[in-house]
Amino acid sequence: MDDGRPPKEQSARPNSRRYDASTKFLERAERVIPLGSQTFSKSKTQLPIGAAPLFVERGEGPYVFDLDGNRYIDFVCSLGAITMGHGDPDVMAAVQKQLQSGVVFSLAHPLETYVAEKIVDMIPCAEKVRFGKNGSDATSGCIRVARGFTRRDRIAMCGYHGWQDWSIGTTARDLGIPKATKDLTHTFPYDDLDALKKLLDSHPGEFAAIIMEPVAFTNPQPGYHAAVMELAHKAGALFVFDEVVTGFRFKEGSSQARFGVTPDLCALGKGMANGFPISVVAGRDEVMRLMEEVFFSFTMGGEAISLAAADAVLTKIKTHNTLDTIATNGTRLLDGFRARIATHGLSDVIACNGDPSWSVITIKDLPGLSQWELKTLWIQETARRGVLNIGIHFIGASHTAAVIDEALAVYDEVLGVVKQAVDAGSVADLLECEPLKPLFRVRT
């Protein structure tokens, strides 16, 4: 089986047969599925057709295998949902055991309580818990509860909070969303207290909540989150942390623990069940009691397979030091990548920032050469060599030091190709496909 890496002398020459099955299957998928995928970020909007895989057939530890049998180190990790590694044996054992008893039932299952107790023990703001299935369920549950608690309508938000109308209506992907809904949500820039204060003052007494992703790939000014919470409470609004990505991924377990700030509510999701669908609204008792009145109810909200997976993941986090492992190997990748960027003389073009567990690659526009052309080249060349990377690193417990070193060797080669493009001021002789285009931008 192809391990995903061609001979070193091979550069960006057409290699369409490498992705022949993926490319052909896209034609079939698009006949019945818009974009051929259920998720924008897993579709051809993020991966160049003919120059990268488009469909994954299976995963194993830190690797995934595409329809053509090529193996890749997986740094996408299902957009951060895989934290232990594909097919983690402890998680799969818990899932298989629960399968023998059933999946979803006519009454609540004890696992709902067991997992809720673990979350209350691990997350600072969590005094009570409710379960959803997607991150968008959780963030929207937070907003509905905040509106119910404050009896107000307006929302101030920073970052990406899911596909629901109140959130995605602030982006260019707002087709189908009523103007009345869009008008009630206002965005503010990260780490800019003056801008947030000005926003709150523009509609005094009208904001129900400030919701934000606590991390935006740069370190905020000291005390920033505490100051945002103070502004929220002064305005009579609730303070909400969207920890769908950061929860159970950061070494401390959550941004709340890291920054020493306890919000009124938080949303959790991706990191807690190693890919099984589950999310959480958690918060202080006084607010969460409204969940007895606010309608937040799902047929699959207490689905036991995902709860069993979450129970296994949360147990493993506490007993196996997996977050320490993720932090250590994520730091190895960050430090090694940054050193190689400098060695190739690309520090003014490429950067990698963020937490060791979740970092993002940023590329600058150059005269005559856009960041999207260079990003497409990056994806093309890393995929050719067996690394799946769409400009972001999600590190899991299965990304061992050896796996990281394998990826860094690939990055060293690919940075050389990027340097060729930068020096030439063009990707015309290197790119095998049309450049990607931005989906939308929300983190500022």
Protein backbone atom coordinates (compact mmCIF):
# COMPACT_ATOMS: atom_id res chain seq x y z
CA MET A 1 0.00 0.00 0.00
CA ASP A 2 1.23 3.50 -0.86
CA ASP A 3 2.49 5.23 2.29
CA GLY A 4 1.75 8.64 0.78
CA ARG A 5 5.32 9.74 0.06
CA PRO A 6 6.83 9.78 -3.44
CA PRO A 7 10.59 9.75 -4.10
CA LYS A 8 12.21 12.99 -2.93
CA GLU A 9 13.22 14.02 -6.46
CA GLN A 10 9.55 14.17 -7.47
CA SER A 11 8.19 17.73 -7.18
CA ALA A 12 4.94 19.28 -8.35
CA ARG A 13 4.39 17.32 -11.55
CA PRO A 14 0.86 16.17 -12.39
CA ASN A 15 -0.05 13.03 -10.47
CA SER A 16 -3.80 12.79 -11.03
CA ARG A 17 -3.83 8.97 -10.86
CA ARG A 18 -2.92 9.23 -7.17
CA TYR A 19 -6.44 10.60 -6.53
CA ASP A 20 -8.28 8.92 -9.37
CA ALA A 21 -10.82 7.11 -7.16
CA SER A 22 -11.50 10.23 -5.07
CA THR A 23 -12.00 12.42 -8.11
CA LYS A 24 -14.31 9.94 -9.82
CA PHE A 25 -16.32 9.38 -6.66
CA LEU A 26 -16.90 13.13 -6.31
CA GLU A 27 -18.87 13.03 -9.56
CA ARG A 28 -21.09 10.30 -8.10
CA ALA A 29 -21.48 12.06 -4.74
CA GLU A 30 -22.44 15.41 -6.27
CA ARG A 31 -25.32 13.78 -8.11
CA VAL A 32 -27.07 13.26 -4.75
CA ILE A 33 -25.26 15.52 -2.25
CA PRO A 34 -24.65 19.27 -2.68
CA LEU A 35 -20.84 19.74 -2.74
CA GLY A 36 -20.55 15.96 -2.32
CA SER A 37 -20.10 16.35 1.45
CA GLN A 38 -22.18 17.04 4.55
CA THR A 39 -19.69 19.60 5.82
CA PHE A 40 -18.33 22.64 4.00
CA SER A 41 -14.91 22.24 5.62
CA LYS A 42 -14.62 18.61 4.45
CA SER A 43 -15.63 19.40 0.87
CA LYS A 44 -14.00 20.52 -2.36
CA THR A 45 -14.20 24.09 -1.00
CA GLN A 46 -11.20 23.25 1.20
CA LEU A 47 -9.38 20.59 -0.85
CA PRO A 48 -8.18 21.09 -4.43
CA ILE A 49 -9.77 18.67 -6.91
CA GLY A 50 -7.19 16.38 -8.49
CA ALA A 51 -4.39 17.53 -6.18
CA ALA A 52 -5.60 16.15 -2.84
CA PRO A 53 -7.81 13.36 -1.50
CA LEU A 54 -11.54 14.11 -1.31
CA PHE A 55 -12.85 11.01 0.49
CA VAL A 56 -11.51 9.01 3.42
CA GLU A 57 -12.26 5.30 3.66
CA ARG A 58 -10.90 4.48 7.11
CA GLY A 59 -8.78 5.72 10.00
CA GLU A 60 -6.21 4.05 12.22
CA GLY A 61 -4.51 5.88 15.09
CA PRO A 62 -2.95 9.06 13.68
CA TYR A 63 -3.57 8.03 10.07
CA VAL A 64 -6.38 8.04 7.53
CA PHE A 65 -6.56 6.20 4.21
CA ASP A 66 -8.29 7.60 1.12
CA LEU A 67 -10.28 5.77 -1.56
CA ASP A 68 -7.09 5.23 -3.57
CA GLY A 69 -5.38 3.49 -0.62
CA ASN A 70 -2.99 6.37 0.14
CA ARG A 71 -2.07 6.86 3.79
CA TYR A 72 -1.93 10.26 5.47
CA ILE A 73 -0.91 11.62 8.82
CA ASP A 74 -4.19 13.20 9.86
CA PHE A 75 -3.91 16.72 11.26
CA VAL A 76 -7.51 17.57 10.44
CA CYS A 77 -8.80 14.96 12.93
CA SER A 78 -12.39 15.42 11.78
CA LEU A 79 -12.11 19.17 12.47
CA GLY A 80 -10.86 18.52 15.97
CA ALA A 81 -13.29 15.80 17.00
CA ILE A 82 -10.64 13.05 17.16
CA THR A 83 -8.50 13.51 20.28
CA MET A 84 -7.44 9.97 21.19
CA GLY A 85 -6.78 8.69 17.67
CA HIS A 86 -8.91 6.85 15.15
CA GLY A 87 -10.25 3.61 16.59
CA ASP A 88 -8.82 4.17 20.07
CA PRO A 89 -9.12 0.74 21.75
CA ASP A 90 -10.45 2.03 25.09
CA VAL A 91 -13.15 4.10 23.45
CA MET A 92 -14.12 1.33 21.06
CA ALA A 93 -14.33 -1.20 23.91
CA ALA A 94 -16.74 1.08 25.78
CA VAL A 95 -18.82 1.58 22.64
CA GLN A 96 -18.96 -2.13 21.83
CA LYS A 97 -20.01 -2.93 25.39
CA GLN A 98 -22.84 -0.39 25.25
CA LEU A 99 -23.95 -1.70 21.84
CA GLN A 100 -24.84 -4.97 23.53
CA SER A 101 -27.35 -3.11 25.74
CA GLY A 102 -28.78 -0.66 23.23
CA VAL A 103 -28.34 2.70 21.56
CA VAL A 104 -31.26 4.98 22.42
CA PHE A 105 -34.09 4.27 24.81
CA SER A 106 -37.63 5.28 25.78
CA LEU A 107 -36.44 6.71 29.10
CA ALA A 108 -33.31 8.47 30.30
CA HIS A 109 -30.21 6.28 30.66
CA PRO A 110 -27.91 6.38 33.73
CA LEU A 111 -24.95 7.24 31.48
CA GLU A 112 -26.44 10.73 31.12
CA THR A 113 -25.88 11.28 34.82
CA TYR A 114 -22.49 9.54 34.98
CA VAL A 115 -21.04 11.69 32.17
CA ALA A 116 -22.66 14.86 33.52
CA GLU A 117 -21.01 14.21 36.88
CA LYS A 118 -17.60 13.93 35.22
CA ILE A 119 -18.14 17.22 33.37
CA VAL A 120 -19.21 18.99 36.56
CA ASP A 121 -16.03 17.69 38.18
CA MET A 122 -13.75 18.80 35.32
CA ILE A 123 -15.16 22.11 33.98
CA PRO A 124 -15.12 25.12 36.34
CA CYS A 125 -18.42 26.73 35.29
CA ALA A 126 -20.35 23.46 35.10
CA GLU A 127 -22.86 23.03 37.90
CA LYS A 128 -25.52 21.47 35.68
CA VAL A 129 -25.29 19.92 32.21
CA ARG A 130 -27.48 19.20 29.19
CA PHE A 131 -26.47 17.20 26.12
CA GLY A 132 -26.84 17.90 22.41
CA LYS A 133 -25.27 16.29 19.36
CA ASN A 134 -23.38 19.08 17.52
CA GLY A 135 -21.45 22.14 18.61
CA SER A 136 -24.15 24.30 17.03
CA ASP A 137 -26.70 22.66 19.35
CA ALA A 138 -24.64 23.64 22.36
CA THR A 139 -23.88 27.24 21.39
CA SER A 140 -27.49 27.82 20.39
CA GLY A 141 -28.67 26.27 23.64
CA CYS A 142 -26.46 28.74 25.50
CA ILE A 143 -27.94 31.65 23.56
CA ARG A 144 -31.53 30.54 24.08
CA VAL A 145 -30.99 30.13 27.81
CA ALA A 146 -29.22 33.50 28.02
CA ARG A 147 -32.11 35.19 26.25
CA GLY A 148 -34.55 33.48 28.56
CA PHE A 149 -32.61 34.41 31.67
CA THR A 150 -32.10 38.08 30.75
CA ARG A 151 -35.35 38.58 28.79
CA ARG A 152 -33.27 40.31 26.11
CA ASP A 153 -32.59 39.62 22.44
CA ARG A 154 -29.24 41.01 21.25
CA ILE A 155 -26.06 38.93 21.10
CA ALA A 156 -22.43 40.07 20.90
CA MET A 157 -20.15 37.39 19.44
CA CYS A 158 -16.48 36.85 18.60
CA GLY A 159 -15.38 33.79 16.60
CA TYR A 160 -17.22 30.93 14.93
CA HIS A 161 -20.22 29.47 16.76
CA GLY A 162 -21.90 27.13 14.29
CA TRP A 163 -24.45 27.04 11.51
CA GLN A 164 -27.53 28.37 13.30
CA ASP A 165 -29.19 31.57 12.02
CA TRP A 166 -28.12 33.87 14.86
CA SER A 167 -24.44 33.01 14.29
CA ILE A 168 -23.83 32.28 10.61
CA GLY A 169 -26.02 35.25 9.67
CA THR A 170 -23.05 37.48 10.52
CA THR A 171 -20.98 35.96 7.68
CA ALA A 172 -21.15 35.98 3.90
CA ARG A 173 -22.85 32.56 4.10
CA ASP A 174 -26.12 34.22 5.17
CA LEU A 175 -28.41 33.13 2.33
CA GLY A 176 -31.81 32.13 3.71
CA ILE A 177 -31.47 33.92 7.04
CA PRO A 178 -34.03 36.64 7.84
CA LYS A 179 -32.71 40.18 8.20
CA ALA A 180 -34.57 40.51 11.50
CA THR A 181 -32.51 37.64 12.90
CA LYS A 182 -29.22 38.96 11.52
CA ASP A 183 -29.86 42.40 13.01
CA LEU A 184 -29.86 40.96 16.54
CA THR A 185 -26.30 39.60 16.42
CA HIS A 186 -23.27 41.89 16.51
CA THR A 187 -19.62 40.90 16.10
CA PHE A 188 -16.63 42.34 17.93
CA PRO A 189 -12.87 41.88 17.38
CA TYR A 190 -10.77 39.72 19.67
CA ASP A 191 -8.63 41.45 22.30
CA ASP A 192 -10.18 44.89 21.74
CA LEU A 193 -11.99 45.97 24.90
CA ASP A 194 -12.71 49.46 23.60
CA ALA A 195 -14.53 48.07 20.56
CA LEU A 196 -16.63 45.78 22.76
CA LYS A 197 -17.50 48.58 25.18
CA LYS A 198 -18.55 50.80 22.28
CA LEU A 199 -20.77 48.00 20.95
CA LEU A 200 -22.44 47.42 24.30
CA ASP A 201 -22.98 51.15 24.80
CA SER A 202 -24.66 51.40 21.38
CA HIS A 203 -27.61 49.31 22.63
CA PRO A 204 -27.78 49.80 26.40
CA GLY A 205 -29.86 47.28 28.29
CA GLU A 206 -30.46 45.12 25.19
CA PHE A 207 -27.71 42.47 25.18
CA ALA A 208 -28.55 39.01 26.47
CA ALA A 209 -25.08 37.51 26.11
CA ILE A 210 -21.52 37.95 25.04
CA ILE A 211 -20.35 34.68 23.46
CA MET A 212 -16.78 34.15 22.35
CA GLU A 213 -14.19 31.59 21.48
CA PRO A 214 -11.64 32.15 24.24
CA VAL A 215 -8.68 31.55 21.89
CA ALA A 216 -7.99 33.22 18.55
CA PHE A 217 -4.48 31.89 17.82
CA THR A 218 -2.84 34.89 19.49
CA ASN A 219 -2.34 35.60 23.18
CA PRO A 220 -4.66 38.36 24.42
CA GLN A 221 -3.61 41.15 26.75
CA PRO A 222 -3.35 39.98 30.37
CA GLY A 223 -6.73 39.94 32.07
CA TYR A 224 -8.65 40.24 28.81
CA HIS A 225 -11.22 37.52 29.47
CA ALA A 226 -11.91 38.74 32.99
CA ALA A 227 -12.41 42.25 31.61
CA VAL A 228 -14.86 40.96 28.98
CA MET A 229 -16.81 39.16 31.69
CA GLU A 230 -16.89 42.35 33.75
CA LEU A 231 -18.23 44.32 30.77
CA ALA A 232 -20.85 41.64 30.17
CA HIS A 233 -22.12 41.67 33.74
CA LYS A 234 -22.03 45.47 33.90
CA ALA A 235 -24.26 45.48 30.81
CA GLY A 236 -26.60 42.93 32.42
CA ALA A 237 -25.60 40.20 29.95
CA LEU A 238 -24.37 36.66 30.51
CA PHE A 239 -20.81 35.70 29.61
CA VAL A 240 -20.55 32.55 27.47
CA PHE A 241 -17.40 30.63 26.49
CA ASP A 242 -17.63 28.62 23.28
CA GLU A 243 -15.30 25.74 24.19
CA VAL A 244 -16.54 23.37 21.51
CA VAL A 245 -12.95 23.17 20.22
CA THR A 246 -10.88 23.97 23.32
CA GLY A 247 -12.78 21.91 25.89
CA PHE A 248 -10.99 18.66 26.86
CA ARG A 249 -8.18 19.51 24.43
CA PHE A 250 -6.11 22.11 26.28
CA LYS A 251 -3.70 20.76 28.86
CA GLU A 252 -5.71 22.38 31.65
CA GLY A 253 -8.91 20.79 30.36
CA SER A 254 -10.56 24.04 29.34
CA SER A 255 -9.86 27.70 28.63
CA GLN A 256 -11.64 28.50 31.87
CA ALA A 257 -8.97 26.72 33.86
CA ARG A 258 -6.18 28.20 31.75
CA PHE A 259 -7.32 31.83 32.01
CA GLY A 260 -8.76 31.63 35.50
CA VAL A 261 -12.17 32.88 34.37
CA THR A 262 -15.48 31.16 35.12
CA PRO A 263 -18.19 32.15 32.61
CA ASP A 264 -21.90 31.88 33.26
CA LEU A 265 -22.32 29.25 30.52
CA CYS A 266 -20.13 27.26 28.20
CA ALA A 267 -20.55 25.06 25.14
CA LEU A 268 -18.48 21.87 24.82
CA GLY A 269 -18.27 19.23 22.12
CA LYS A 270 -15.51 18.12 19.79
CA GLY A 271 -12.89 16.88 22.24
CA MET A 272 -15.05 14.77 24.49
CA ALA A 273 -16.04 11.60 22.62
CA ASN A 274 -13.29 10.92 20.04
CA GLY A 275 -15.57 11.49 17.07
CA PHE A 276 -18.88 10.23 18.40
CA PRO A 277 -21.56 12.93 18.15
CA ILE A 278 -22.20 14.69 21.44
CA SER A 279 -22.14 18.25 22.76
CA VAL A 280 -22.83 20.00 26.04
CA VAL A 281 -24.42 23.11 27.47
CA ALA A 282 -22.99 23.63 30.95
CA GLY A 283 -23.22 26.47 33.42
CA ARG A 284 -24.06 27.77 36.82
CA ASP A 285 -27.09 26.35 38.57
CA GLU A 286 -29.13 29.55 38.66
CA VAL A 287 -29.01 29.87 34.87
CA MET A 288 -29.16 26.17 33.98
CA ARG A 289 -32.35 25.69 36.01
CA LEU A 290 -34.10 27.52 33.17
CA MET A 291 -33.46 24.42 31.06
CA GLU A 292 -36.60 23.10 32.78
CA GLU A 293 -38.55 25.80 30.88
CA VAL A 294 -36.42 26.64 27.83
CA PHE A 295 -37.08 24.07 25.11
CA PHE A 296 -33.83 22.22 24.46
CA SER A 297 -34.89 18.67 23.72
CA PHE A 298 -33.72 15.96 21.28
CA THR A 299 -34.79 12.41 20.52
CA MET A 300 -31.06 11.61 20.32
CA GLY A 301 -29.96 13.90 23.16
CA GLY A 302 -29.33 10.97 25.52
CA GLU A 303 -28.08 8.53 22.89
CA ALA A 304 -26.03 6.01 24.86
CA ILE A 305 -23.28 5.07 22.38
CA SER A 306 -21.86 8.60 22.28
CA LEU A 307 -22.26 8.89 26.03
CA ALA A 308 -20.29 5.67 26.49
CA ALA A 309 -17.56 7.06 24.23
CA ALA A 310 -17.52 10.32 26.18
CA ASP A 311 -17.33 8.43 29.47
CA ALA A 312 -14.29 6.54 28.19
CA VAL A 313 -12.57 9.68 26.87
CA LEU A 314 -13.11 11.69 30.06
CA THR A 315 -11.86 8.77 32.15
CA LYS A 316 -8.79 8.43 29.95
CA ILE A 317 -8.02 12.15 30.21
CA LYS A 318 -7.90 11.81 34.00
CA THR A 319 -6.05 8.49 34.23
CA HIS A 320 -3.67 8.46 31.24
CA ASN A 321 -2.39 12.07 31.16
CA THR A 322 -3.47 12.30 27.53
CA LEU A 323 -3.66 16.09 27.57
CA ASP A 324 -0.02 16.22 28.68
CA THR A 325 0.89 13.92 25.79
CA ILE A 326 -1.00 16.10 23.33
CA ALA A 327 0.67 19.26 24.67
CA THR A 328 4.16 17.73 24.52
CA ASN A 329 3.89 16.45 20.96
CA GLY A 330 2.02 19.52 19.79
CA THR A 331 4.89 21.65 21.09
CA ARG A 332 7.32 19.40 19.23
CA LEU A 333 5.43 20.10 16.01
CA LEU A 334 5.13 23.85 16.59
CA ASP A 335 8.79 24.32 17.49
CA GLY A 336 10.03 22.10 14.67
CA PHE A 337 7.79 23.72 12.07
CA ARG A 338 8.74 27.25 13.09
CA ALA A 339 12.43 26.36 12.95
CA ARG A 340 12.04 24.99 9.43
CA ILE A 341 10.09 28.05 8.29
CA ALA A 342 13.02 30.19 9.45
CA THR A 343 15.60 27.93 7.82
CA HIS A 344 13.87 28.30 4.46
CA GLY A 345 13.71 32.08 4.82
CA LEU A 346 9.91 32.14 4.88
CA SER A 347 9.26 33.79 8.25
CA ASP A 348 7.77 36.84 6.53
CA VAL A 349 5.37 34.65 4.54
CA ILE A 350 4.29 31.70 6.72
CA ALA A 351 3.55 31.49 10.43
CA CYS A 352 2.10 28.85 12.73
CA ASN A 353 0.34 30.12 15.85
CA GLY A 354 -1.97 28.85 18.54
CA ASP A 355 -1.98 26.24 21.26
CA PRO A 356 0.16 23.10 20.86
CA SER A 357 -3.07 21.09 20.69
CA TRP A 358 -4.68 23.34 18.06
CA SER A 359 -2.56 25.54 15.83
CA VAL A 360 -3.20 27.28 12.53
CA ILE A 361 -0.94 28.04 9.58
CA THR A 362 -1.25 31.59 8.24
CA ILE A 363 0.10 32.66 4.86
CA LYS A 364 0.48 36.25 3.71
CA ASP A 365 -0.46 37.74 0.37
CA LEU A 366 2.55 38.72 -1.72
CA PRO A 367 2.76 40.96 -4.79
CA GLY A 368 1.30 38.89 -7.62
CA LEU A 369 0.92 35.84 -5.39
CA SER A 370 -2.12 35.38 -3.15
CA GLN A 371 -2.27 33.47 0.12
CA TRP A 372 -4.87 31.18 -1.49
CA GLU A 373 -2.51 30.19 -4.27
CA LEU A 374 0.18 29.39 -1.72
CA LYS A 375 -2.27 27.56 0.55
CA THR A 376 -3.41 25.43 -2.38
CA LEU A 377 0.22 24.63 -3.18
CA TRP A 378 0.82 23.74 0.47
CA ILE A 379 -2.13 21.33 0.57
CA GLN A 380 -1.14 19.82 -2.80
CA GLU A 381 2.44 19.15 -1.78
CA THR A 382 1.79 17.91 1.77
CA ALA A 383 -0.95 15.57 0.53
CA ARG A 384 1.41 14.25 -2.16
CA ARG A 385 3.84 13.31 0.61
CA GLY A 386 1.27 11.78 2.94
CA VAL A 387 0.14 14.55 5.29
CA LEU A 388 -3.49 15.70 5.43
CA ASN A 389 -3.43 19.36 6.39
CA ILE A 390 -5.83 22.14 5.36
CA GLY A 391 -3.90 24.83 7.19
CA ILE A 392 -4.60 23.65 10.72
CA HIS A 393 -3.16 21.15 13.19
CA PHE A 394 -5.36 19.25 15.58
CA ILE A 395 -3.08 17.07 17.68
CA GLY A 396 -4.32 13.86 19.24
CA ALA A 397 -2.88 11.40 21.72
CA SER A 398 -1.91 9.07 18.86
CA HIS A 399 0.38 11.68 17.27
CA THR A 400 3.56 10.29 18.79
CA ALA A 401 6.96 11.93 18.60
CA ALA A 402 7.84 9.61 15.69
CA VAL A 403 4.70 10.66 13.79
CA ILE A 404 5.49 14.34 14.40
CA ASP A 405 9.03 13.86 13.12
CA GLU A 406 7.68 12.14 10.01
CA ALA A 407 5.44 15.15 9.37
CA LEU A 408 8.28 17.61 9.96
CA ALA A 409 10.40 15.84 7.35
CA VAL A 410 7.55 16.34 4.87
CA TYR A 411 7.20 20.00 5.88
CA ASP A 412 10.89 20.54 5.26
CA GLU A 413 10.49 19.32 1.68
CA VAL A 414 7.29 21.26 1.05
CA LEU A 415 8.70 24.52 2.40
CA GLY A 416 11.36 24.17 -0.26
CA VAL A 417 8.65 24.03 -2.93
CA VAL A 418 6.88 27.04 -1.40
CA LYS A 419 10.18 28.93 -1.42
CA GLN A 420 10.45 28.24 -5.17
CA ALA A 421 7.03 29.81 -5.70
CA VAL A 422 7.82 32.81 -3.52
CA ASP A 423 11.12 33.44 -5.29
CA ALA A 424 9.45 33.12 -8.70
CA GLY A 425 6.46 35.22 -7.65
CA SER A 426 4.17 32.61 -9.20
CA VAL A 427 2.72 29.14 -8.69
CA ALA A 428 2.01 28.67 -12.40
CA ASP A 429 4.72 26.03 -12.89
CA LEU A 430 3.92 24.25 -9.63
CA LEU A 431 0.17 24.16 -9.10
CA GLU A 432 -1.81 21.28 -10.61
CA CYS A 433 -5.28 22.69 -9.99
CA GLU A 434 -7.33 25.84 -9.59
CA PRO A 435 -6.51 27.80 -6.42
CA LEU A 436 -8.92 27.52 -3.53
CA LYS A 437 -11.18 30.40 -2.55
CA PRO A 438 -12.07 31.55 0.99
CA LEU A 439 -15.17 29.98 2.55
CA PHE A 440 -15.65 32.86 4.99
CA ARG A 441 -13.67 34.53 7.75
CA VAL A 442 -14.93 34.89 11.30
CA ARG A 443 -11.97 34.87 13.69
CA THR A 444 -10.51 38.36 13.85
